[in-house]
Amino acid sequence: MSNNNTHNFILNDENAVEQITKTNYYKDLSKEYPNVILFVDDKRNNYIYIYLGFDEGTHATRKAFVRVDSDGTVQYSEIPPGQESDWVNMQ
């Protein structure tokens, strides 16, 4: 998801998580799975990386690797960062 007001977006933990919750991908997933969780996983190279997964009660299961950049663009990959990842814009 690209932020239409890129000059107004400030990259921080709270805004990164909020930006993900605005995507159709997240909205659809959370309707089907009410146990979806998001939390900051890492910060590096001008990105905030977010853990997107499911709260299983005794543990969490990751669904995807998600990152938000300083423009508010949200991207995801099913391959861990640092490996050859194909980041896809999250709509």
PDB file of N, CA and C in Angstrom:
ATOM      1  N   MET A   1       0.850  -1.166   0.000  1.00  0.00           N
ATOM      2  CA  MET A   1       0.000   0.000   0.000  1.00  0.00           C
ATOM      3  C   MET A   1       0.892   1.223   0.000  1.00  0.00           C
ATOM      4  N   SER A   2       0.666   2.099  -0.941  1.00  0.00           N
ATOM      5  CA  SER A   2       1.403   3.352  -0.984  1.00  0.00           C
ATOM      6  C   SER A   2       0.589   4.411  -0.284  1.00  0.00           C
ATOM      7  N   ASN A   3       1.270   5.207   0.468  1.00  0.00           N
ATOM      8  CA  ASN A   3       0.621   6.290   1.189  1.00  0.00           C
ATOM      9  C   ASN A   3       0.443   7.460   0.232  1.00  0.00           C
ATOM     10  N   ASN A   4      -0.784   7.943   0.062  1.00  0.00           N
ATOM     11  CA  ASN A   4      -1.049   9.066  -0.830  1.00  0.00           C
ATOM     12  C   ASN A   4      -0.455  10.365  -0.319  1.00  0.00           C
ATOM     13  N   ASN A   5      -0.247  10.465   0.966  1.00  0.00           N
ATOM     14  CA  ASN A   5       0.309  11.680   1.561  1.00  0.00           C
ATOM     15  C   ASN A   5       1.698  11.390   2.095  1.00  0.00           C
ATOM     16  N   THR A   6       2.607  11.034   1.201  1.00  0.00           N
ATOM     17  CA  THR A   6       3.925  10.589   1.638  1.00  0.00           C
ATOM     18  C   THR A   6       4.660  11.649   2.429  1.00  0.00           C
ATOM     19  N   HIS A   7       4.418  12.920   2.142  1.00  0.00           N
ATOM     20  CA  HIS A   7       5.128  13.962   2.866  1.00  0.00           C
ATOM     21  C   HIS A   7       4.610  14.097   4.294  1.00  0.00           C
ATOM     22  N   ASN A   8       3.441  13.532   4.599  1.00  0.00           N
ATOM     23  CA  ASN A   8       2.877  13.614   5.941  1.00  0.00           C
ATOM     24  C   ASN A   8       3.160  12.361   6.774  1.00  0.00           C
ATOM     25  N   PHE A   9       3.687  11.317   6.158  1.00  0.00           N
ATOM     26  CA  PHE A   9       3.920  10.080   6.877  1.00  0.00           C
ATOM     27  C   PHE A   9       5.230  10.160   7.646  1.00  0.00           C
ATOM     28  N   ILE A  10       5.168   9.827   8.912  1.00  0.00           N
ATOM     29  CA  ILE A  10       6.356   9.776   9.761  1.00  0.00           C
ATOM     30  C   ILE A  10       6.558   8.318  10.148  1.00  0.00           C
ATOM     31  N   LEU A  11       7.710   7.767   9.775  1.00  0.00           N
ATOM     32  CA  LEU A  11       7.992   6.365  10.054  1.00  0.00           C
ATOM     33  C   LEU A  11       8.369   6.185  11.509  1.00  0.00           C
ATOM     34  N   ASN A  12       7.488   5.538  12.248  1.00  0.00           N
ATOM     35  CA  ASN A  12       7.767   5.122  13.617  1.00  0.00           C
ATOM     36  C   ASN A  12       6.969   3.837  13.857  1.00  0.00           C
ATOM     37  N   ASP A  13       7.180   3.214  14.998  1.00  0.00           N
ATOM     38  CA  ASP A  13       6.554   1.916  15.269  1.00  0.00           C
ATOM     39  C   ASP A  13       5.036   1.968  15.129  1.00  0.00           C
ATOM     40  N   GLU A  14       4.417   2.925  15.780  1.00  0.00           N
ATOM     41  CA  GLU A  14       2.962   3.025  15.790  1.00  0.00           C
ATOM     42  C   GLU A  14       2.407   3.260  14.384  1.00  0.00           C
ATOM     43  N   ASN A  15       3.002   4.176  13.646  1.00  0.00           N
ATOM     44  CA  ASN A  15       2.524   4.476  12.299  1.00  0.00           C
ATOM     45  C   ASN A  15       2.737   3.308  11.344  1.00  0.00           C
ATOM     46  N   ALA A  16       3.827   2.577  11.513  1.00  0.00           N
ATOM     47  CA  ALA A  16       4.095   1.427  10.646  1.00  0.00           C
ATOM     48  C   ALA A  16       3.013   0.365  10.831  1.00  0.00           C
ATOM     49  N   VAL A  17       2.689   0.047  12.073  1.00  0.00           N
ATOM     50  CA  VAL A  17       1.636  -0.941  12.345  1.00  0.00           C
ATOM     51  C   VAL A  17       0.296  -0.430  11.830  1.00  0.00           C
ATOM     52  N   GLU A  18      -0.002   0.835  12.083  1.00  0.00           N
ATOM     53  CA  GLU A  18      -1.268   1.408  11.616  1.00  0.00           C
ATOM     54  C   GLU A  18      -1.375   1.360  10.091  1.00  0.00           C
ATOM     55  N   GLN A  19      -0.281   1.616   9.409  1.00  0.00           N
ATOM     56  CA  GLN A  19      -0.279   1.602   7.941  1.00  0.00           C
ATOM     57  C   GLN A  19      -0.640   0.214   7.416  1.00  0.00           C
ATOM     58  N   ILE A  20      -0.164  -0.820   8.078  1.00  0.00           N
ATOM     59  CA  ILE A  20      -0.493  -2.188   7.671  1.00  0.00           C
ATOM     60  C   ILE A  20      -1.973  -2.469   7.862  1.00  0.00           C
ATOM     61  N   THR A  21      -2.548  -1.986   8.958  1.00  0.00           N
ATOM     62  CA  THR A  21      -3.965  -2.254   9.234  1.00  0.00           C
ATOM     63  C   THR A  21      -4.883  -1.580   8.220  1.00  0.00           C
ATOM     64  N   LYS A  22      -4.377  -0.661   7.444  1.00  0.00           N
ATOM     65  CA  LYS A  22      -5.180   0.014   6.411  1.00  0.00           C
ATOM     66  C   LYS A  22      -5.239  -0.774   5.102  1.00  0.00           C
ATOM     67  N   THR A  23      -4.412  -1.808   4.969  1.00  0.00           N
ATOM     68  CA  THR A  23      -4.369  -2.556   3.714  1.00  0.00           C
ATOM     69  C   THR A  23      -5.540  -3.537   3.621  1.00  0.00           C
ATOM     70  N   ASN A  24      -5.985  -3.782   2.412  1.00  0.00           N
ATOM     71  CA  ASN A  24      -7.042  -4.772   2.188  1.00  0.00           C
ATOM     72  C   ASN A  24      -6.566  -6.162   2.583  1.00  0.00           C
ATOM     73  N   TYR A  25      -5.290  -6.441   2.350  1.00  0.00           N
ATOM     74  CA  TYR A  25      -4.711  -7.730   2.730  1.00  0.00           C
ATOM     75  C   TYR A  25      -4.934  -7.990   4.219  1.00  0.00           C
ATOM     76  N   TYR A  26      -4.588  -7.017   5.039  1.00  0.00           N
ATOM     77  CA  TYR A  26      -4.742  -7.175   6.489  1.00  0.00           C
ATOM     78  C   TYR A  26      -6.218  -7.240   6.882  1.00  0.00           C
ATOM     79  N   LYS A  27      -7.025  -6.353   6.310  1.00  0.00           N
ATOM     80  CA  LYS A  27      -8.458  -6.327   6.652  1.00  0.00           C
ATOM     81  C   LYS A  27      -9.108  -7.668   6.344  1.00  0.00           C
ATOM     82  N   ASP A  28      -8.823  -8.223   5.165  1.00  0.00           N
ATOM     83  CA  ASP A  28      -9.396  -9.515   4.792  1.00  0.00           C
ATOM     84  C   ASP A  28      -8.893 -10.632   5.702  1.00  0.00           C
ATOM     85  N   LEU A  29      -7.604 -10.623   5.999  1.00  0.00           N
ATOM     86  CA  LEU A  29      -7.020 -11.648   6.856  1.00  0.00           C
ATOM     87  C   LEU A  29      -7.609 -11.592   8.264  1.00  0.00           C
ATOM     88  N   SER A  30      -7.756 -10.383   8.809  1.00  0.00           N
ATOM     89  CA  SER A  30      -8.253 -10.258  10.185  1.00  0.00           C
ATOM     90  C   SER A  30      -9.744 -10.592  10.297  1.00  0.00           C
ATOM     91  N   LYS A  31     -10.496 -10.457   9.202  1.00  0.00           N
ATOM     92  CA  LYS A  31     -11.902 -10.885   9.218  1.00  0.00           C
ATOM     93  C   LYS A  31     -11.999 -12.402   9.309  1.00  0.00           C
ATOM     94  N   GLU A  32     -11.122 -13.075   8.583  1.00  0.00           N
ATOM     95  CA  GLU A  32     -11.137 -14.532   8.572  1.00  0.00           C
ATOM     96  C   GLU A  32     -10.471 -15.129   9.812  1.00  0.00           C
ATOM     97  N   TYR A  33      -9.436 -14.444  10.308  1.00  0.00           N
ATOM     98  CA  TYR A  33      -8.676 -14.933  11.458  1.00  0.00           C
ATOM     99  C   TYR A  33      -8.593 -13.834  12.524  1.00  0.00           C
ATOM    100  N   PRO A  34      -9.459 -13.861  13.518  1.00  0.00           N
ATOM    101  CA  PRO A  34      -9.450 -12.814  14.544  1.00  0.00           C
ATOM    102  C   PRO A  34      -8.211 -12.831  15.445  1.00  0.00           C
ATOM    103  N   ASN A  35      -7.382 -13.868  15.319  1.00  0.00           N
ATOM    104  CA  ASN A  35      -6.180 -13.974  16.155  1.00  0.00           C
ATOM    105  C   ASN A  35      -4.937 -13.419  15.454  1.00  0.00           C
ATOM    106  N   VAL A  36      -5.120 -12.603  14.403  1.00  0.00           N
ATOM    107  CA  VAL A  36      -3.978 -11.990  13.710  1.00  0.00           C
ATOM    108  C   VAL A  36      -3.276 -11.022  14.657  1.00  0.00           C
ATOM    109  N   ILE A  37      -1.945 -11.062  14.645  1.00  0.00           N
ATOM    110  CA  ILE A  37      -1.160 -10.148  15.473  1.00  0.00           C
ATOM    111  C   ILE A  37      -0.121  -9.429  14.618  1.00  0.00           C
ATOM    112  N   LEU A  38       0.218  -8.231  15.050  1.00  0.00           N
ATOM    113  CA  LEU A  38       1.258  -7.415  14.425  1.00  0.00           C
ATOM    114  C   LEU A  38       2.132  -6.850  15.525  1.00  0.00           C
ATOM    115  N   PHE A  39       3.439  -6.919  15.347  1.00  0.00           N
ATOM    116  CA  PHE A  39       4.332  -6.205  16.256  1.00  0.00           C
ATOM    117  C   PHE A  39       5.654  -5.941  15.564  1.00  0.00           C
ATOM    118  N   VAL A  40       6.361  -4.928  16.041  1.00  0.00           N
ATOM    119  CA  VAL A  40       7.645  -4.557  15.443  1.00  0.00           C
ATOM    120  C   VAL A  40       8.645  -5.675  15.686  1.00  0.00           C
ATOM    121  N   ASP A  41       9.275  -6.100  14.599  1.00  0.00           N
ATOM    122  CA  ASP A  41      10.221  -7.205  14.640  1.00  0.00           C
ATOM    123  C   ASP A  41      11.663  -6.723  14.522  1.00  0.00           C
ATOM    124  N   ASP A  42      11.879  -5.637  13.751  1.00  0.00           N
ATOM    125  CA  ASP A  42      13.234  -5.156  13.492  1.00  0.00           C
ATOM    126  C   ASP A  42      13.154  -3.766  12.872  1.00  0.00           C
ATOM    127  N   LYS A  43      14.258  -3.040  12.955  1.00  0.00           N
ATOM    128  CA  LYS A  43      14.380  -1.732  12.314  1.00  0.00           C
ATOM    129  C   LYS A  43      15.767  -1.660  11.698  1.00  0.00           C
ATOM    130  N   ARG A  44      15.804  -1.491  10.361  1.00  0.00           N
ATOM    131  CA  ARG A  44      17.096  -1.347   9.687  1.00  0.00           C
ATOM    132  C   ARG A  44      16.888  -0.889   8.255  1.00  0.00           C
ATOM    133  N   ASN A  45      17.928  -0.253   7.725  1.00  0.00           N
ATOM    134  CA  ASN A  45      17.933   0.181   6.326  1.00  0.00           C
ATOM    135  C   ASN A  45      16.698   0.994   5.944  1.00  0.00           C
ATOM    136  N   ASN A  46      16.292   1.915   6.799  1.00  0.00           N
ATOM    137  CA  ASN A  46      15.146   2.793   6.542  1.00  0.00           C
ATOM    138  C   ASN A  46      13.815   2.063   6.428  1.00  0.00           C
ATOM    139  N   TYR A  47      13.732   0.909   7.035  1.00  0.00           N
ATOM    140  CA  TYR A  47      12.478   0.154   7.095  1.00  0.00           C
ATOM    141  C   TYR A  47      12.187  -0.221   8.541  1.00  0.00           C
ATOM    142  N   ILE A  48      10.906  -0.357   8.833  1.00  0.00           N
ATOM    143  CA  ILE A  48      10.475  -1.016  10.061  1.00  0.00           C
ATOM    144  C   ILE A  48       9.855  -2.333   9.620  1.00  0.00           C
ATOM    145  N   TYR A  49      10.373  -3.426  10.157  1.00  0.00           N
ATOM    146  CA  TYR A  49       9.893  -4.761   9.828  1.00  0.00           C
ATOM    147  C   TYR A  49       8.884  -5.186  10.884  1.00  0.00           C
ATOM    148  N   ILE A  50       7.761  -5.685  10.410  1.00  0.00           N
ATOM    149  CA  ILE A  50       6.647  -6.051  11.280  1.00  0.00           C
ATOM    150  C   ILE A  50       6.395  -7.553  11.195  1.00  0.00           C
ATOM    151  N   TYR A  51       6.220  -8.170  12.352  1.00  0.00           N
ATOM    152  CA  TYR A  51       5.811  -9.572  12.428  1.00  0.00           C
ATOM    153  C   TYR A  51       4.316  -9.614  12.188  1.00  0.00           C
ATOM    154  N   LEU A  52       3.885 -10.341  11.173  1.00  0.00           N
ATOM    155  CA  LEU A  52       2.468 -10.565  10.925  1.00  0.00           C
ATOM    156  C   LEU A  52       2.237 -12.052  11.094  1.00  0.00           C
ATOM    157  N   GLY A  53       1.414 -12.390  12.062  1.00  0.00           N
ATOM    158  CA  GLY A  53       1.199 -13.803  12.333  1.00  0.00           C
ATOM    159  C   GLY A  53      -0.090 -14.026  13.093  1.00  0.00           C
ATOM    160  N   PHE A  54      -0.157 -15.182  13.717  1.00  0.00           N
ATOM    161  CA  PHE A  54      -1.350 -15.588  14.437  1.00  0.00           C
ATOM    162  C   PHE A  54      -0.995 -15.936  15.877  1.00  0.00           C
ATOM    163  N   ASP A  55      -1.797 -15.455  16.816  1.00  0.00           N
ATOM    164  CA  ASP A  55      -1.644 -15.807  18.220  1.00  0.00           C
ATOM    165  C   ASP A  55      -2.313 -17.154  18.416  1.00  0.00           C
ATOM    166  N   GLU A  56      -1.512 -18.162  18.691  1.00  0.00           N
ATOM    167  CA  GLU A  56      -2.014 -19.522  18.845  1.00  0.00           C
ATOM    168  C   GLU A  56      -2.242 -19.895  20.309  1.00  0.00           C
ATOM    169  N   GLY A  57      -2.190 -18.921  21.193  1.00  0.00           N
ATOM    170  CA  GLY A  57      -2.402 -19.175  22.615  1.00  0.00           C
ATOM    171  C   GLY A  57      -1.099 -19.445  23.342  1.00  0.00           C
ATOM    172  N   THR A  58      -0.416 -20.516  22.991  1.00  0.00           N
ATOM    173  CA  THR A  58       0.851 -20.851  23.640  1.00  0.00           C
ATOM    174  C   THR A  58       2.054 -20.386  22.828  1.00  0.00           C
ATOM    175  N   HIS A  59       1.812 -19.985  21.583  1.00  0.00           N
ATOM    176  CA  HIS A  59       2.897 -19.534  20.703  1.00  0.00           C
ATOM    177  C   HIS A  59       2.290 -18.719  19.557  1.00  0.00           C
ATOM    178  N   ALA A  60       3.148 -18.107  18.787  1.00  0.00           N
ATOM    179  CA  ALA A  60       2.713 -17.364  17.607  1.00  0.00           C
ATOM    180  C   ALA A  60       3.261 -18.054  16.362  1.00  0.00           C
ATOM    181  N   THR A  61       2.497 -17.983  15.286  1.00  0.00           N
ATOM    182  CA  THR A  61       2.906 -18.541  14.007  1.00  0.00           C
ATOM    183  C   THR A  61       2.967 -17.408  12.991  1.00  0.00           C
ATOM    184  N   ARG A  62       4.116 -17.260  12.343  1.00  0.00           N
ATOM    185  CA  ARG A  62       4.293 -16.178  11.372  1.00  0.00           C
ATOM    186  C   ARG A  62       3.563 -16.503  10.069  1.00  0.00           C
ATOM    187  N   LYS A  63       2.879 -15.502   9.534  1.00  0.00           N
ATOM    188  CA  LYS A  63       2.234 -15.608   8.226  1.00  0.00           C
ATOM    189  C   LYS A  63       3.131 -15.034   7.139  1.00  0.00           C
ATOM    190  N   ALA A  64       3.726 -13.855   7.425  1.00  0.00           N
ATOM    191  CA  ALA A  64       4.549 -13.190   6.418  1.00  0.00           C
ATOM    192  C   ALA A  64       5.490 -12.200   7.087  1.00  0.00           C
ATOM    193  N   PHE A  65       6.509 -11.816   6.343  1.00  0.00           N
ATOM    194  CA  PHE A  65       7.422 -10.750   6.737  1.00  0.00           C
ATOM    195  C   PHE A  65       6.898  -9.484   6.073  1.00  0.00           C
ATOM    196  N   VAL A  66       6.713  -8.433   6.855  1.00  0.00           N
ATOM    197  CA  VAL A  66       6.154  -7.186   6.336  1.00  0.00           C
ATOM    198  C   VAL A  66       7.103  -6.058   6.690  1.00  0.00           C
ATOM    199  N   ARG A  67       7.219  -5.092   5.778  1.00  0.00           N
ATOM    200  CA  ARG A  67       8.052  -3.929   6.068  1.00  0.00           C
ATOM    201  C   ARG A  67       7.333  -2.672   5.583  1.00  0.00           C
ATOM    202  N   VAL A  68       7.646  -1.576   6.261  1.00  0.00           N
ATOM    203  CA  VAL A  68       7.096  -0.268   5.921  1.00  0.00           C
ATOM    204  C   VAL A  68       8.276   0.676   5.750  1.00  0.00           C
ATOM    205  N   ASP A  69       8.248   1.463   4.663  1.00  0.00           N
ATOM    206  CA  ASP A  69       9.345   2.403   4.434  1.00  0.00           C
ATOM    207  C   ASP A  69       8.943   3.820   4.831  1.00  0.00           C
ATOM    208  N   SER A  70       9.859   4.754   4.651  1.00  0.00           N
ATOM    209  CA  SER A  70       9.645   6.129   5.110  1.00  0.00           C
ATOM    210  C   SER A  70       8.564   6.870   4.327  1.00  0.00           C
ATOM    211  N   ASP A  71       8.119   6.302   3.197  1.00  0.00           N
ATOM    212  CA  ASP A  71       7.008   6.874   2.444  1.00  0.00           C
ATOM    213  C   ASP A  71       5.668   6.273   2.852  1.00  0.00           C
ATOM    214  N   GLY A  72       5.705   5.271   3.736  1.00  0.00           N
ATOM    215  CA  GLY A  72       4.482   4.605   4.159  1.00  0.00           C
ATOM    216  C   GLY A  72       4.089   3.445   3.274  1.00  0.00           C
ATOM    217  N   THR A  73       4.977   3.046   2.362  1.00  0.00           N
ATOM    218  CA  THR A  73       4.699   1.909   1.493  1.00  0.00           C
ATOM    219  C   THR A  73       4.842   0.618   2.294  1.00  0.00           C
ATOM    220  N   VAL A  74       3.844  -0.252   2.172  1.00  0.00           N
ATOM    221  CA  VAL A  74       3.832  -1.530   2.883  1.00  0.00           C
ATOM    222  C   VAL A  74       4.125  -2.632   1.878  1.00  0.00           C
ATOM    223  N   GLN A  75       5.095  -3.486   2.222  1.00  0.00           N
ATOM    224  CA  GLN A  75       5.457  -4.612   1.368  1.00  0.00           C
ATOM    225  C   GLN A  75       5.543  -5.876   2.211  1.00  0.00           C
ATOM    226  N   TYR A  76       5.313  -7.025   1.561  1.00  0.00           N
ATOM    227  CA  TYR A  76       5.440  -8.285   2.282  1.00  0.00           C
ATOM    228  C   TYR A  76       6.207  -9.308   1.457  1.00  0.00           C
ATOM    229  N   SER A  77       6.711 -10.293   2.166  1.00  0.00           N
ATOM    230  CA  SER A  77       7.424 -11.410   1.551  1.00  0.00           C
ATOM    231  C   SER A  77       7.222 -12.629   2.437  1.00  0.00           C
ATOM    232  N   GLU A  78       7.237 -13.791   1.824  1.00  0.00           N
ATOM    233  CA  GLU A  78       7.164 -15.020   2.608  1.00  0.00           C
ATOM    234  C   GLU A  78       8.544 -15.599   2.857  1.00  0.00           C
ATOM    235  N   ILE A  79       9.567 -14.882   2.394  1.00  0.00           N
ATOM    236  CA  ILE A  79      10.956 -15.285   2.592  1.00  0.00           C
ATOM    237  C   ILE A  79      11.599 -14.326   3.592  1.00  0.00           C
ATOM    238  N   PRO A  80      12.353 -14.814   4.573  1.00  0.00           N
ATOM    239  CA  PRO A  80      12.946 -13.930   5.582  1.00  0.00           C
ATOM    240  C   PRO A  80      13.843 -12.851   4.966  1.00  0.00           C
ATOM    241  N   PRO A  81      13.813 -11.638   5.541  1.00  0.00           N
ATOM    242  CA  PRO A  81      14.730 -10.587   5.092  1.00  0.00           C
ATOM    243  C   PRO A  81      16.168 -11.070   5.198  1.00  0.00           C
ATOM    244  N   GLY A  82      17.015 -10.615   4.273  1.00  0.00           N
ATOM    245  CA  GLY A  82      18.406 -11.042   4.270  1.00  0.00           C
ATOM    246  C   GLY A  82      18.645 -12.159   3.277  1.00  0.00           C
ATOM    247  N   GLN A  83      17.593 -12.882   2.953  1.00  0.00           N
ATOM    248  CA  GLN A  83      17.669 -13.875   1.893  1.00  0.00           C
ATOM    249  C   GLN A  83      17.152 -13.208   0.625  1.00  0.00           C
ATOM    250  N   GLU A  84      17.226 -13.893  -0.482  1.00  0.00           N
ATOM    251  CA  GLU A  84      16.732 -13.324  -1.736  1.00  0.00           C
ATOM    252  C   GLU A  84      15.212 -13.218  -1.670  1.00  0.00           C
ATOM    253  N   SER A  85      14.723 -12.084  -1.212  1.00  0.00           N
ATOM    254  CA  SER A  85      13.282 -11.880  -1.043  1.00  0.00           C
ATOM    255  C   SER A  85      12.718 -11.090  -2.213  1.00  0.00           C
ATOM    256  N   ASP A  86      11.543 -11.456  -2.629  1.00  0.00           N
ATOM    257  CA  ASP A  86      10.778 -10.667  -3.581  1.00  0.00           C
ATOM    258  C   ASP A  86       9.712  -9.932  -2.788  1.00  0.00           C
ATOM    259  N   TRP A  87       9.936  -8.660  -2.528  1.00  0.00           N
ATOM    260  CA  TRP A  87       8.995  -7.856  -1.775  1.00  0.00           C
ATOM    261  C   TRP A  87       7.872  -7.408  -2.694  1.00  0.00           C
ATOM    262  N   VAL A  88       6.642  -7.607  -2.263  1.00  0.00           N
ATOM    263  CA  VAL A  88       5.454  -7.276  -3.033  1.00  0.00           C
ATOM    264  C   VAL A  88       4.685  -6.200  -2.280  1.00  0.00           C
ATOM    265  N   ASN A  89       4.227  -5.183  -3.023  1.00  0.00           N
ATOM    266  CA  ASN A  89       3.408  -4.157  -2.371  1.00  0.00           C
ATOM    267  C   ASN A  89       2.128  -4.776  -1.859  1.00  0.00           C
ATOM    268  N   MET A  90       1.786  -4.454  -0.618  1.00  0.00           N
ATOM    269  CA  MET A  90       0.587  -4.959   0.016  1.00  0.00           C
ATOM    270  C   MET A  90      -0.542  -3.971  -0.264  1.00  0.00           C
ATOM    271  N   GLN A  91      -1.578  -4.444  -0.885  1.00  0.00           N
ATOM    272  CA  GLN A  91      -2.716  -3.579  -1.246  1.00  0.00           C
ATOM    273  C   GLN A  91      -3.743  -3.538  -0.146  1.00  0.00           C
TER     274      GLN A  91
END
